[in-house]
Amino acid sequence: MTKNILWREGWIKPLLTESLPSEKCGICNREFGELDFVTSCEFCEIGIIHDICANNHISTTHAKELGEKINKHKEKQLHSFQ
């Protein structure tokens, strides 16, 4: 069965927490740990959040927007390196 999956960009940008507006995740409110993977939501202004928190946040809070984005990009093929 074919399923929609979501491709996350593979680049890593090191950040220092002191350069962020907050040293806590905008979802779970826990402090960021050493080498935590973080991201932000492209659909809202929630701030910097743990990558794991982002998965649940985007798929539940922004289900409609996510569905629209999937449909918009359905026919676009991935490059061979993706």
N, C-alpha and C. Protein backbone atom coordinates (compact mmCIF):
# COMPACT_ATOMS: atom_id res chain seq x y z
N MET A 1 0.84 -1.18 0.00
CA MET A 1 0.00 0.00 0.00
C MET A 1 0.89 1.25 0.00
N THR A 2 0.61 2.18 -0.87
CA THR A 2 1.36 3.43 -0.95
C THR A 2 0.94 4.36 0.19
N LYS A 3 1.94 4.99 0.81
CA LYS A 3 1.68 5.91 1.93
C LYS A 3 2.40 7.22 1.70
N ASN A 4 1.82 8.29 2.19
CA ASN A 4 2.50 9.58 2.18
C ASN A 4 3.50 9.62 3.32
N ILE A 5 4.74 9.98 3.00
CA ILE A 5 5.74 10.20 4.03
C ILE A 5 6.26 11.62 3.88
N LEU A 6 6.87 12.16 4.91
CA LEU A 6 7.33 13.54 4.88
C LEU A 6 8.85 13.59 4.94
N TRP A 7 9.44 14.19 3.94
CA TRP A 7 10.89 14.29 3.83
C TRP A 7 11.39 15.51 4.59
N ARG A 8 12.26 15.32 5.57
CA ARG A 8 12.89 16.44 6.27
C ARG A 8 14.25 16.69 5.65
N GLU A 9 14.57 17.95 5.47
CA GLU A 9 15.87 18.30 4.91
C GLU A 9 16.98 17.68 5.75
N GLY A 10 18.03 17.25 5.11
CA GLY A 10 19.09 16.51 5.77
C GLY A 10 20.24 17.33 6.29
N TRP A 11 20.17 18.64 6.19
CA TRP A 11 21.30 19.44 6.69
C TRP A 11 21.16 19.70 8.18
N ILE A 12 22.28 19.83 8.82
CA ILE A 12 22.31 20.11 10.25
C ILE A 12 22.98 21.47 10.45
N LYS A 13 22.32 22.34 11.17
CA LYS A 13 22.87 23.66 11.47
C LYS A 13 23.08 23.75 12.98
N PRO A 14 24.33 23.73 13.42
CA PRO A 14 24.58 23.83 14.86
C PRO A 14 24.15 25.20 15.39
N LEU A 15 23.48 25.21 16.53
CA LEU A 15 23.05 26.44 17.19
C LEU A 15 23.45 26.40 18.65
N LEU A 16 23.67 27.56 19.23
CA LEU A 16 23.87 27.66 20.67
C LEU A 16 22.56 28.12 21.28
N THR A 17 22.15 27.51 22.38
CA THR A 17 20.87 27.89 22.98
C THR A 17 20.88 29.35 23.44
N GLU A 18 22.03 29.89 23.76
CA GLU A 18 22.08 31.30 24.20
C GLU A 18 21.70 32.26 23.08
N SER A 19 21.74 31.80 21.82
CA SER A 19 21.37 32.65 20.70
C SER A 19 19.87 32.58 20.38
N LEU A 20 19.14 31.73 21.09
CA LEU A 20 17.71 31.55 20.85
C LEU A 20 16.88 32.43 21.79
N PRO A 21 15.64 32.75 21.38
CA PRO A 21 14.77 33.53 22.27
C PRO A 21 14.43 32.79 23.56
N SER A 22 14.46 31.46 23.52
CA SER A 22 14.17 30.65 24.70
C SER A 22 15.04 29.41 24.66
N GLU A 23 15.42 28.91 25.82
CA GLU A 23 16.21 27.69 25.89
C GLU A 23 15.32 26.48 26.16
N LYS A 24 14.01 26.66 25.97
CA LYS A 24 13.04 25.58 26.19
C LYS A 24 12.21 25.35 24.93
N CYS A 25 11.75 24.13 24.77
CA CYS A 25 10.89 23.75 23.65
C CYS A 25 9.55 24.45 23.77
N GLY A 26 9.05 25.00 22.66
CA GLY A 26 7.77 25.68 22.63
C GLY A 26 6.58 24.75 22.80
N ILE A 27 6.77 23.45 22.73
CA ILE A 27 5.69 22.47 22.89
C ILE A 27 5.72 21.85 24.29
N CYS A 28 6.80 21.14 24.62
CA CYS A 28 6.86 20.40 25.88
C CYS A 28 7.43 21.23 27.04
N ASN A 29 8.01 22.36 26.72
CA ASN A 29 8.54 23.30 27.70
C ASN A 29 9.76 22.75 28.47
N ARG A 30 10.37 21.67 27.97
CA ARG A 30 11.60 21.15 28.58
C ARG A 30 12.80 21.88 28.00
N GLU A 31 13.84 22.05 28.80
CA GLU A 31 15.07 22.67 28.32
C GLU A 31 15.70 21.79 27.24
N PHE A 32 16.32 22.45 26.25
CA PHE A 32 17.03 21.70 25.23
C PHE A 32 18.29 21.08 25.82
N GLY A 33 18.56 19.84 25.44
CA GLY A 33 19.75 19.15 25.91
C GLY A 33 20.87 19.25 24.90
N GLU A 34 22.04 18.83 25.29
CA GLU A 34 23.20 18.83 24.40
C GLU A 34 22.91 17.94 23.19
N LEU A 35 23.08 18.48 22.01
CA LEU A 35 22.89 17.81 20.71
C LEU A 35 21.45 17.36 20.45
N ASP A 36 20.46 18.00 21.06
CA ASP A 36 19.06 17.73 20.71
C ASP A 36 18.80 18.20 19.28
N PHE A 37 18.02 17.45 18.54
CA PHE A 37 17.58 17.88 17.22
C PHE A 37 16.37 18.79 17.41
N VAL A 38 16.41 19.97 16.81
CA VAL A 38 15.32 20.94 16.95
C VAL A 38 14.88 21.42 15.57
N THR A 39 13.70 22.00 15.53
CA THR A 39 13.15 22.53 14.29
C THR A 39 12.14 23.61 14.66
N SER A 40 11.40 24.07 13.69
CA SER A 40 10.29 24.99 13.93
C SER A 40 9.12 24.53 13.07
N CYS A 41 7.96 25.05 13.33
CA CYS A 41 6.77 24.69 12.56
C CYS A 41 6.62 25.66 11.40
N GLU A 42 6.49 25.14 10.20
CA GLU A 42 6.33 26.01 9.05
C GLU A 42 4.91 26.58 8.93
N PHE A 43 4.00 26.11 9.77
CA PHE A 43 2.61 26.56 9.70
C PHE A 43 2.24 27.58 10.77
N CYS A 44 3.06 27.73 11.81
CA CYS A 44 2.75 28.70 12.86
C CYS A 44 4.02 29.25 13.48
N GLU A 45 3.88 30.12 14.42
CA GLU A 45 5.00 30.82 15.05
C GLU A 45 5.27 30.29 16.46
N ILE A 46 5.24 28.98 16.64
CA ILE A 46 5.40 28.40 17.98
C ILE A 46 6.82 28.52 18.52
N GLY A 47 7.78 28.79 17.66
CA GLY A 47 9.17 28.93 18.09
C GLY A 47 9.97 27.66 17.84
N ILE A 48 11.12 27.58 18.47
CA ILE A 48 12.00 26.41 18.31
C ILE A 48 11.45 25.28 19.18
N ILE A 49 11.36 24.09 18.58
CA ILE A 49 10.79 22.94 19.26
C ILE A 49 11.63 21.69 18.97
N HIS A 50 11.55 20.70 19.88
CA HIS A 50 12.21 19.42 19.63
C HIS A 50 11.65 18.81 18.34
N ASP A 51 12.50 18.13 17.60
CA ASP A 51 12.08 17.48 16.36
C ASP A 51 10.95 16.49 16.62
N ILE A 52 11.05 15.74 17.71
CA ILE A 52 10.01 14.76 18.06
C ILE A 52 8.69 15.47 18.37
N CYS A 53 8.75 16.57 19.09
CA CYS A 53 7.54 17.34 19.40
C CYS A 53 6.90 17.89 18.12
N ALA A 54 7.74 18.27 17.16
CA ALA A 54 7.24 18.83 15.90
C ALA A 54 6.40 17.81 15.13
N ASN A 55 6.82 16.56 15.15
CA ASN A 55 6.08 15.53 14.41
C ASN A 55 4.63 15.47 14.87
N ASN A 56 4.41 15.38 16.16
CA ASN A 56 3.06 15.30 16.70
C ASN A 56 2.31 16.62 16.51
N HIS A 57 2.97 17.74 16.77
CA HIS A 57 2.34 19.05 16.65
C HIS A 57 1.82 19.28 15.24
N ILE A 58 2.65 19.04 14.24
CA ILE A 58 2.26 19.32 12.85
C ILE A 58 1.17 18.37 12.38
N SER A 59 1.28 17.08 12.72
CA SER A 59 0.29 16.12 12.22
C SER A 59 -1.06 16.25 12.92
N THR A 60 -1.11 16.83 14.12
CA THR A 60 -2.40 16.99 14.81
C THR A 60 -2.94 18.41 14.70
N THR A 61 -2.13 19.40 15.02
CA THR A 61 -2.59 20.78 15.03
C THR A 61 -2.80 21.33 13.63
N HIS A 62 -1.99 20.89 12.70
CA HIS A 62 -2.03 21.44 11.34
C HIS A 62 -2.39 20.38 10.29
N ALA A 63 -3.28 19.47 10.64
CA ALA A 63 -3.64 18.37 9.73
C ALA A 63 -4.18 18.89 8.40
N LYS A 64 -5.01 19.92 8.44
CA LYS A 64 -5.59 20.47 7.20
C LYS A 64 -4.50 21.05 6.31
N GLU A 65 -3.62 21.89 6.89
CA GLU A 65 -2.55 22.50 6.11
C GLU A 65 -1.59 21.44 5.57
N LEU A 66 -1.34 20.42 6.38
CA LEU A 66 -0.46 19.34 5.97
C LEU A 66 -1.06 18.59 4.78
N GLY A 67 -2.35 18.30 4.84
CA GLY A 67 -3.04 17.64 3.72
C GLY A 67 -2.97 18.46 2.45
N GLU A 68 -3.15 19.78 2.59
CA GLU A 68 -3.07 20.66 1.43
C GLU A 68 -1.67 20.64 0.82
N LYS A 69 -0.65 20.64 1.67
CA LYS A 69 0.73 20.62 1.18
C LYS A 69 1.02 19.30 0.49
N ILE A 70 0.56 18.19 1.05
CA ILE A 70 0.77 16.88 0.43
C ILE A 70 0.12 16.85 -0.96
N ASN A 71 -1.11 17.32 -1.05
CA ASN A 71 -1.80 17.33 -2.34
C ASN A 71 -1.12 18.24 -3.36
N LYS A 72 -0.62 19.37 -2.89
CA LYS A 72 0.05 20.32 -3.78
C LYS A 72 1.33 19.73 -4.39
N HIS A 73 2.02 18.89 -3.64
CA HIS A 73 3.30 18.36 -4.08
C HIS A 73 3.24 16.90 -4.54
N LYS A 74 2.05 16.36 -4.65
CA LYS A 74 1.89 14.93 -4.96
C LYS A 74 2.57 14.50 -6.26
N GLU A 75 2.50 15.33 -7.26
CA GLU A 75 3.03 14.95 -8.56
C GLU A 75 4.51 15.28 -8.75
N LYS A 76 5.10 15.99 -7.81
CA LYS A 76 6.51 16.35 -7.93
C LYS A 76 7.38 15.17 -7.52
N GLN A 77 8.30 14.78 -8.40
CA GLN A 77 9.16 13.66 -8.10
C GLN A 77 10.38 14.13 -7.31
N LEU A 78 10.89 13.24 -6.46
CA LEU A 78 12.12 13.52 -5.72
C LEU A 78 13.31 13.39 -6.65
N HIS A 79 14.37 14.12 -6.37
CA HIS A 79 15.62 13.98 -7.09
C HIS A 79 16.26 12.63 -6.72
N SER A 80 17.16 12.17 -7.54
CA SER A 80 17.78 10.86 -7.28
C SER A 80 18.52 10.82 -5.95
N PHE A 81 19.06 11.96 -5.48
CA PHE A 81 19.78 11.97 -4.21
C PHE A 81 18.86 12.01 -3.02
N GLN A 82 17.57 12.15 -3.23
CA GLN A 82 16.61 12.17 -2.14
C GLN A 82 16.01 10.78 -2.01
